[in-house]
């Protein structure tokens, strides 16, 4: 499995949790509170789906920081 996908899987839950927190605050801290019981399941589903590509886009940045700090080339990082 490619390292980018492995990193994406690791950070998926963090990204999803952060997006859910933002979505829940938007629902619960605005006049949308009246229909919060209908909106919160949608917030969960939408944030779960949006977090997949977002974590995939964030992963190379984390890998670049790792490679830059250790001076590792992209072809030899799988040996670590």
Foldseek 3Di string as FASTA:
>chain_A
DDPLVVQLVVCLVVQLVVQLVVVLCVCCVDPVVVVCVVCSVVSNVVSNVVSNVVSSVCSVVVVVVVCVVVVHDPVPPVVD
